[in-house]
Amino acid sequence: MKQFWPKMQDRFTSRDVVALTGISLRQLQWWDERGIVVPARDGHKRLYSFEDLSEVAVICELRRRGFSLQRVRKVVRFLQREFSRRLAETVSGASDYHLLTDGRTLYLETSPQQIVDILKNSRQPMLTICLSDTVRRVRAVIRSGGKKNSVADANIRVVRERKKRA
């Protein structure tokens, strides 16, 4: 079954979000019930904005990297506190935003030098995620009209390309 999403549409149904991110409908519902990503409603129908979809994609990436849901909540709240804006609005600018964590402390950096300094001075391994890349992949999947299967598939392609170049 071929799926099609109009270019940069305003709202996405739960099924669209599932197809784009690879998350289950139940997980999406659970996140809504817990206030992690709360979509708009049209009766009983959940309608996700691009910003909601971007947050779901970032959360999926964090979960794939081993973050607990409690830790994910802390990251989302941290980003909202720091910028008083939604994640997609924050990372849509010209700078690349990198989230770094050692499991206890969170850093959000745009400066390559700051990132290197944090990594050099860290006493334990650091996990680094480029939030801007995740949001760009969401946009690319939407713009492709669903030709790429999902954001998760786009992430896999990026990893494979990096391995080929190495």
Protein backbone atom coordinates (compact mmCIF):
# COMPACT_ATOMS: atom_id res chain seq x y z
CA MET A 1 0.00 0.00 0.00
CA LYS A 2 1.63 3.22 -1.13
CA GLN A 3 1.23 6.14 1.20
CA PHE A 4 1.13 9.74 0.21
CA TRP A 5 1.45 12.83 2.35
CA PRO A 6 1.00 16.21 0.73
CA LYS A 7 4.13 18.31 0.96
CA MET A 8 4.47 19.84 4.42
CA GLN A 9 0.83 19.34 5.37
CA ASP A 10 -0.42 21.05 8.53
CA ARG A 11 -1.86 18.06 10.38
CA PHE A 12 -1.09 14.36 10.57
CA THR A 13 -3.36 11.61 11.83
CA SER A 14 -2.14 9.00 14.30
CA ARG A 15 -1.77 6.56 11.41
CA ASP A 16 0.38 9.06 9.49
CA VAL A 17 2.65 9.48 12.53
CA VAL A 18 2.91 5.69 12.92
CA ALA A 19 3.83 5.30 9.24
CA LEU A 20 6.38 8.12 9.39
CA THR A 21 8.10 7.19 12.66
CA GLY A 22 7.58 3.45 13.09
CA ILE A 23 6.05 3.91 16.55
CA SER A 24 2.98 1.85 17.50
CA LEU A 25 -0.49 3.37 17.79
CA ARG A 26 -0.66 2.27 21.41
CA GLN A 27 2.67 3.94 22.24
CA LEU A 28 1.49 7.16 20.62
CA GLN A 29 -1.76 7.02 22.60
CA TRP A 30 0.16 6.33 25.81
CA TRP A 31 2.44 9.35 25.21
CA ASP A 32 -0.66 11.49 24.73
CA GLU A 33 -2.21 10.15 27.95
CA ARG A 34 1.00 10.90 29.88
CA GLY A 35 1.31 14.41 28.42
CA ILE A 36 4.59 13.73 26.59
CA VAL A 37 3.30 14.67 23.12
CA VAL A 38 -0.25 15.99 23.21
CA PRO A 39 -1.86 16.47 19.80
CA ALA A 40 -4.87 18.58 18.90
CA ARG A 41 -8.24 16.86 18.76
CA ASP A 42 -11.04 16.72 16.25
CA GLY A 43 -13.64 14.79 18.20
CA HIS A 44 -11.92 11.51 19.10
CA LYS A 45 -9.38 11.90 16.32
CA ARG A 46 -5.83 12.94 17.25
CA LEU A 47 -4.24 15.45 14.88
CA TYR A 48 -0.49 16.01 15.11
CA SER A 49 1.23 19.18 13.94
CA PHE A 50 4.64 19.18 12.29
CA GLU A 51 6.08 20.21 15.68
CA ASP A 52 4.35 17.23 17.36
CA LEU A 53 5.67 14.92 14.65
CA SER A 54 9.21 16.29 15.11
CA GLU A 55 9.01 15.71 18.85
CA VAL A 56 7.79 12.15 18.31
CA ALA A 57 10.72 11.53 15.93
CA VAL A 58 13.25 12.91 18.43
CA ILE A 59 11.71 10.87 21.24
CA CYS A 60 11.87 7.75 19.06
CA GLU A 61 15.56 8.48 18.42
CA LEU A 62 16.21 8.91 22.14
CA ARG A 63 14.36 5.68 22.92
CA ARG A 64 16.38 3.82 20.25
CA ARG A 65 19.50 5.13 21.97
CA GLY A 66 18.39 3.62 25.29
CA PHE A 67 16.77 6.58 27.04
CA SER A 68 14.06 5.65 29.52
CA LEU A 69 10.74 7.43 29.11
CA GLN A 70 11.43 9.28 32.38
CA ARG A 71 14.72 10.53 30.92
CA VAL A 72 12.97 11.49 27.67
CA ARG A 73 10.50 13.60 29.66
CA LYS A 74 13.42 15.40 31.31
CA VAL A 75 14.98 16.11 27.92
CA VAL A 76 11.72 17.48 26.47
CA ARG A 77 11.11 19.65 29.54
CA PHE A 78 14.72 20.85 29.50
CA LEU A 79 14.38 21.93 25.87
CA GLN A 80 11.07 23.66 26.54
CA ARG A 81 12.49 25.48 29.59
CA GLU A 82 15.65 26.57 27.81
CA PHE A 83 13.94 27.95 24.73
CA SER A 84 10.28 28.48 25.67
CA ARG A 85 9.52 27.12 22.21
CA ARG A 86 8.69 23.81 20.64
CA LEU A 87 11.53 21.53 19.61
CA ALA A 88 10.96 21.92 15.85
CA GLU A 89 10.91 25.72 16.20
CA THR A 90 14.10 25.67 18.24
CA VAL A 91 16.20 23.52 15.93
CA SER A 92 14.90 24.86 12.62
CA GLY A 93 17.44 27.68 12.43
CA ALA A 94 20.78 27.76 10.69
CA SER A 95 22.69 26.21 13.61
CA ASP A 96 22.90 22.51 14.32
CA TYR A 97 21.72 21.65 17.81
CA HIS A 98 23.45 18.74 19.50
CA LEU A 99 22.13 17.13 22.65
CA LEU A 100 24.88 15.62 24.78
CA THR A 101 24.44 13.64 27.97
CA ASP A 102 26.46 11.45 30.27
CA GLY A 103 23.28 10.02 31.76
CA ARG A 104 23.03 12.67 34.46
CA THR A 105 23.79 16.04 32.89
CA LEU A 106 22.23 17.41 29.71
CA TYR A 107 23.94 19.83 27.37
CA LEU A 108 22.45 21.49 24.31
CA GLU A 109 25.16 22.99 22.13
CA THR A 110 25.48 24.61 18.74
CA SER A 111 29.17 25.38 18.84
CA PRO A 112 31.49 22.63 17.54
CA GLN A 113 34.19 23.88 19.90
CA GLN A 114 31.88 23.61 22.91
CA ILE A 115 30.93 20.08 21.89
CA VAL A 116 34.60 19.09 21.62
CA ASP A 117 35.34 20.70 24.99
CA ILE A 118 32.49 18.82 26.67
CA LEU A 119 33.63 15.53 25.14
CA LYS A 120 37.28 16.15 26.11
CA ASN A 121 36.43 17.06 29.70
CA SER A 122 33.94 14.29 30.25
CA ARG A 123 34.92 11.61 32.74
CA GLN A 124 32.53 9.08 31.28
CA PRO A 125 31.08 8.24 27.86
CA MET A 126 28.78 10.82 26.32
CA LEU A 127 25.81 10.22 24.07
CA THR A 128 25.44 12.81 21.34
CA ILE A 129 22.38 13.30 19.14
CA CYS A 130 22.01 15.97 16.48
CA LEU A 131 18.45 17.17 17.02
CA SER A 132 18.58 19.30 13.89
CA ASP A 133 19.31 16.22 11.75
CA THR A 134 16.29 14.41 13.17
CA VAL A 135 13.97 17.33 12.37
CA ARG A 136 15.50 17.62 8.87
CA ARG A 137 14.84 13.91 8.28
CA VAL A 138 11.19 14.39 9.29
CA ARG A 139 10.89 17.23 6.76
CA ALA A 140 12.61 15.17 4.06
CA VAL A 141 10.29 12.21 4.56
CA ILE A 142 7.23 14.47 4.40
CA ARG A 143 8.50 16.32 1.32
CA SER A 144 9.24 13.04 -0.43
CA GLY A 145 5.52 12.36 -0.38
CA GLY A 146 5.98 9.12 1.56
CA LYS A 147 8.41 7.64 -0.97
CA LYS A 148 10.79 6.93 1.89
CA ASN A 149 9.04 4.61 4.28
CA SER A 150 9.70 6.39 7.54
CA VAL A 151 11.97 8.60 9.57
CA ALA A 152 13.45 5.46 11.13
CA ASP A 153 14.32 4.16 7.64
CA ALA A 154 15.92 7.52 6.82
CA ASN A 155 18.01 7.20 10.00
CA ILE A 156 19.15 3.73 8.93
CA ARG A 157 20.13 5.05 5.49
CA VAL A 158 22.18 7.83 7.09
CA VAL A 159 24.06 5.31 9.25
CA ARG A 160 24.74 3.06 6.24
CA GLU A 161 26.04 6.02 4.23
CA ARG A 162 28.36 7.02 7.06
CA LYS A 163 29.72 3.46 7.28
CA LYS A 164 30.37 3.41 3.53
CA ARG A 165 32.36 6.64 3.77
CA ALA A 166 34.41 5.44 6.74
